[in-house]
Amino acid sequence: MPVSVQFIDGINEEVSGISLRRRRDSGTNLVVLLFEDLEALKGGRSFTNKIDTLSLRDQEGEIKVIPSGMKFFFADDEHDLAKAECSFELRTQAELERVMRFLHRYADAYGFEFQSN
């Protein structure tokens, strides 16, 4: 199974950046995926398909996450999407380990490099 990220089943999204964070107040791990474009928003798809989960797919199977936040940033004309950020929390060590395996596969497949800040 190819590595993919999907808001709508069968429509792959292209991740432009990945950020891993930890909430200071709770210690919960947070994943932020950055998108320069969202296929799910094109052609009215977001109005005909409910977008409330994010699917991360690889050879181990599918991880379904519920985004805890979604931010949209628009270009100067306020009609063109400049970028979007989707964040979700990982509450257990097992969730963190599984998502990290997915992220490493995604990084390998699409030429990302991990950098620590």
C-alpha atoms as a PDB file:
ATOM      1  CA  MET A   1       0.000   0.000   0.000  1.00  0.00           C
ATOM      2  CA  PRO A   2       1.466   3.385  -0.937  1.00  0.00           C
ATOM      3  CA  VAL A   3       1.966   5.953   1.796  1.00  0.00           C
ATOM      4  CA  SER A   4      -0.814   8.552   1.688  1.00  0.00           C
ATOM      5  CA  VAL A   5      -2.648  11.257   3.622  1.00  0.00           C
ATOM      6  CA  GLN A   6      -6.374  11.703   2.904  1.00  0.00           C
ATOM      7  CA  PHE A   7      -9.192  13.879   4.255  1.00  0.00           C
ATOM      8  CA  ILE A   8     -11.596  12.306   1.744  1.00  0.00           C
ATOM      9  CA  ASP A   9     -11.326   8.606   0.937  1.00  0.00           C
ATOM     10  CA  GLY A  10      -9.461   8.113  -2.348  1.00  0.00           C
ATOM     11  CA  ILE A  11      -8.181  11.701  -2.650  1.00  0.00           C
ATOM     12  CA  ASN A  12      -4.520  12.011  -1.706  1.00  0.00           C
ATOM     13  CA  GLU A  13      -3.190  15.217  -0.202  1.00  0.00           C
ATOM     14  CA  GLU A  14       0.375  16.459  -0.534  1.00  0.00           C
ATOM     15  CA  VAL A  15       1.965  17.369   2.791  1.00  0.00           C
ATOM     16  CA  SER A  16       4.416  20.263   2.492  1.00  0.00           C
ATOM     17  CA  GLY A  17       5.726  20.149   6.054  1.00  0.00           C
ATOM     18  CA  ILE A  18       5.516  18.212   9.299  1.00  0.00           C
ATOM     19  CA  SER A  19       6.022  19.552  12.795  1.00  0.00           C
ATOM     20  CA  LEU A  20       6.112  17.530  16.006  1.00  0.00           C
ATOM     21  CA  ARG A  21       5.418  19.376  19.243  1.00  0.00           C
ATOM     22  CA  ARG A  22       4.677  18.666  22.879  1.00  0.00           C
ATOM     23  CA  ARG A  23       2.113  20.643  24.851  1.00  0.00           C
ATOM     24  CA  ARG A  24       3.802  22.221  27.839  1.00  0.00           C
ATOM     25  CA  ASP A  25       0.717  22.094  30.030  1.00  0.00           C
ATOM     26  CA  SER A  26      -0.155  18.415  29.511  1.00  0.00           C
ATOM     27  CA  GLY A  27       2.873  16.804  27.854  1.00  0.00           C
ATOM     28  CA  THR A  28       0.609  15.551  25.047  1.00  0.00           C
ATOM     29  CA  ASN A  29       2.343  15.071  21.710  1.00  0.00           C
ATOM     30  CA  LEU A  30       0.984  17.147  18.845  1.00  0.00           C
ATOM     31  CA  VAL A  31       1.499  16.559  15.119  1.00  0.00           C
ATOM     32  CA  VAL A  32       1.016  19.496  12.744  1.00  0.00           C
ATOM     33  CA  LEU A  33       0.777  18.750   9.024  1.00  0.00           C
ATOM     34  CA  LEU A  34       1.216  21.661   6.620  1.00  0.00           C
ATOM     35  CA  PHE A  35      -0.419  21.812   3.206  1.00  0.00           C
ATOM     36  CA  GLU A  36       0.151  24.384   0.459  1.00  0.00           C
ATOM     37  CA  ASP A  37      -2.928  23.116  -1.349  1.00  0.00           C
ATOM     38  CA  LEU A  38      -5.851  20.885  -0.388  1.00  0.00           C
ATOM     39  CA  GLU A  39      -7.461  18.606  -2.932  1.00  0.00           C
ATOM     40  CA  ALA A  40     -10.364  18.121  -0.496  1.00  0.00           C
ATOM     41  CA  LEU A  41     -11.381  21.755  -0.991  1.00  0.00           C
ATOM     42  CA  LYS A  42     -11.395  21.711  -4.783  1.00  0.00           C
ATOM     43  CA  GLY A  43     -14.565  21.537  -6.821  1.00  0.00           C
ATOM     44  CA  GLY A  44     -16.894  21.755  -3.853  1.00  0.00           C
ATOM     45  CA  ARG A  45     -15.720  18.420  -2.434  1.00  0.00           C
ATOM     46  CA  SER A  46     -15.699  19.795   1.102  1.00  0.00           C
ATOM     47  CA  PHE A  47     -19.400  20.616   0.798  1.00  0.00           C
ATOM     48  CA  THR A  48     -20.415  17.172  -0.448  1.00  0.00           C
ATOM     49  CA  ASN A  49     -18.073  15.175   1.827  1.00  0.00           C
ATOM     50  CA  LYS A  50     -17.895  15.655   5.568  1.00  0.00           C
ATOM     51  CA  ILE A  51     -14.270  16.270   6.510  1.00  0.00           C
ATOM     52  CA  ASP A  52     -13.885  15.318  10.152  1.00  0.00           C
ATOM     53  CA  THR A  53     -11.151  12.684  10.077  1.00  0.00           C
ATOM     54  CA  LEU A  54      -7.722  12.353   8.550  1.00  0.00           C
ATOM     55  CA  SER A  55      -6.482   9.015   7.219  1.00  0.00           C
ATOM     56  CA  LEU A  56      -2.800   8.145   7.262  1.00  0.00           C
ATOM     57  CA  ARG A  57      -2.153   5.019   5.187  1.00  0.00           C
ATOM     58  CA  ASP A  58       0.917   2.854   4.770  1.00  0.00           C
ATOM     59  CA  GLN A  59       1.875  -0.817   4.560  1.00  0.00           C
ATOM     60  CA  GLU A  60       0.898  -1.351   8.218  1.00  0.00           C
ATOM     61  CA  GLY A  61      -2.632  -0.215   7.471  1.00  0.00           C
ATOM     62  CA  GLU A  62      -4.667   2.890   8.162  1.00  0.00           C
ATOM     63  CA  ILE A  63      -4.510   5.334  11.045  1.00  0.00           C
ATOM     64  CA  LYS A  64      -7.668   7.428  11.468  1.00  0.00           C
ATOM     65  CA  VAL A  65      -7.196  10.597  13.481  1.00  0.00           C
ATOM     66  CA  ILE A  66      -9.598  13.351  14.418  1.00  0.00           C
ATOM     67  CA  PRO A  67      -7.967  16.742  13.881  1.00  0.00           C
ATOM     68  CA  SER A  68      -7.894  18.885  17.013  1.00  0.00           C
ATOM     69  CA  GLY A  69      -7.334  21.982  14.918  1.00  0.00           C
ATOM     70  CA  MET A  70      -7.450  23.189  11.346  1.00  0.00           C
ATOM     71  CA  LYS A  71      -6.158  26.615  10.270  1.00  0.00           C
ATOM     72  CA  PHE A  72      -6.495  28.145   6.824  1.00  0.00           C
ATOM     73  CA  PHE A  73      -4.295  30.971   5.569  1.00  0.00           C
ATOM     74  CA  PHE A  74      -5.368  32.855   2.467  1.00  0.00           C
ATOM     75  CA  ALA A  75      -3.434  34.867  -0.117  1.00  0.00           C
ATOM     76  CA  ASP A  76      -3.855  38.622  -0.453  1.00  0.00           C
ATOM     77  CA  ASP A  77      -7.106  38.340  -2.413  1.00  0.00           C
ATOM     78  CA  GLU A  78      -8.593  36.195   0.412  1.00  0.00           C
ATOM     79  CA  HIS A  79     -10.003  33.652  -2.070  1.00  0.00           C
ATOM     80  CA  ASP A  80      -6.889  31.611  -2.803  1.00  0.00           C
ATOM     81  CA  LEU A  81      -5.604  29.270  -0.146  1.00  0.00           C
ATOM     82  CA  ALA A  82      -1.983  30.048   0.726  1.00  0.00           C
ATOM     83  CA  LYS A  83      -1.582  27.178   3.194  1.00  0.00           C
ATOM     84  CA  ALA A  84      -3.411  25.065   5.735  1.00  0.00           C
ATOM     85  CA  GLU A  85      -2.358  23.493   9.020  1.00  0.00           C
ATOM     86  CA  CYS A  86      -3.982  20.377  10.426  1.00  0.00           C
ATOM     87  CA  SER A  87      -3.078  19.337  13.960  1.00  0.00           C
ATOM     88  CA  PHE A  88      -3.912  16.236  15.971  1.00  0.00           C
ATOM     89  CA  GLU A  89      -2.932  14.914  19.369  1.00  0.00           C
ATOM     90  CA  LEU A  90      -1.266  11.638  20.266  1.00  0.00           C
ATOM     91  CA  ARG A  91      -2.247  10.679  23.784  1.00  0.00           C
ATOM     92  CA  THR A  92      -0.462   7.350  24.234  1.00  0.00           C
ATOM     93  CA  GLN A  93       3.036   6.065  23.614  1.00  0.00           C
ATOM     94  CA  ALA A  94       1.627   3.419  21.252  1.00  0.00           C
ATOM     95  CA  GLU A  95      -0.101   6.123  19.147  1.00  0.00           C
ATOM     96  CA  LEU A  96       3.123   8.142  19.039  1.00  0.00           C
ATOM     97  CA  GLU A  97       5.204   5.155  17.948  1.00  0.00           C
ATOM     98  CA  ARG A  98       2.745   4.151  15.206  1.00  0.00           C
ATOM     99  CA  VAL A  99       2.421   7.693  13.819  1.00  0.00           C
ATOM    100  CA  MET A 100       6.199   8.130  13.919  1.00  0.00           C
ATOM    101  CA  ARG A 101       6.615   4.971  11.810  1.00  0.00           C
ATOM    102  CA  PHE A 102       4.101   6.417   9.340  1.00  0.00           C
ATOM    103  CA  LEU A 103       5.853   9.816   9.285  1.00  0.00           C
ATOM    104  CA  HIS A 104       9.226   8.188   8.620  1.00  0.00           C
ATOM    105  CA  ARG A 105       7.723   6.250   5.714  1.00  0.00           C
ATOM    106  CA  TYR A 106       6.066   9.403   4.374  1.00  0.00           C
ATOM    107  CA  ALA A 107       9.360  11.282   4.698  1.00  0.00           C
ATOM    108  CA  ASP A 108      11.234   8.541   2.843  1.00  0.00           C
ATOM    109  CA  ALA A 109       8.602   8.356   0.087  1.00  0.00           C
ATOM    110  CA  TYR A 110       8.405  12.111  -0.498  1.00  0.00           C
ATOM    111  CA  GLY A 111      11.939  13.302   0.282  1.00  0.00           C
ATOM    112  CA  PHE A 112      11.450  14.947   3.657  1.00  0.00           C
ATOM    113  CA  GLU A 113      14.276  15.302   6.147  1.00  0.00           C
ATOM    114  CA  PHE A 114      13.736  15.414   9.905  1.00  0.00           C
ATOM    115  CA  GLN A 115      15.327  18.339  11.707  1.00  0.00           C
ATOM    116  CA  SER A 116      15.205  19.072  15.404  1.00  0.00           C
ATOM    117  CA  ASN A 117      14.834  22.626  16.686  1.00  0.00           C
END
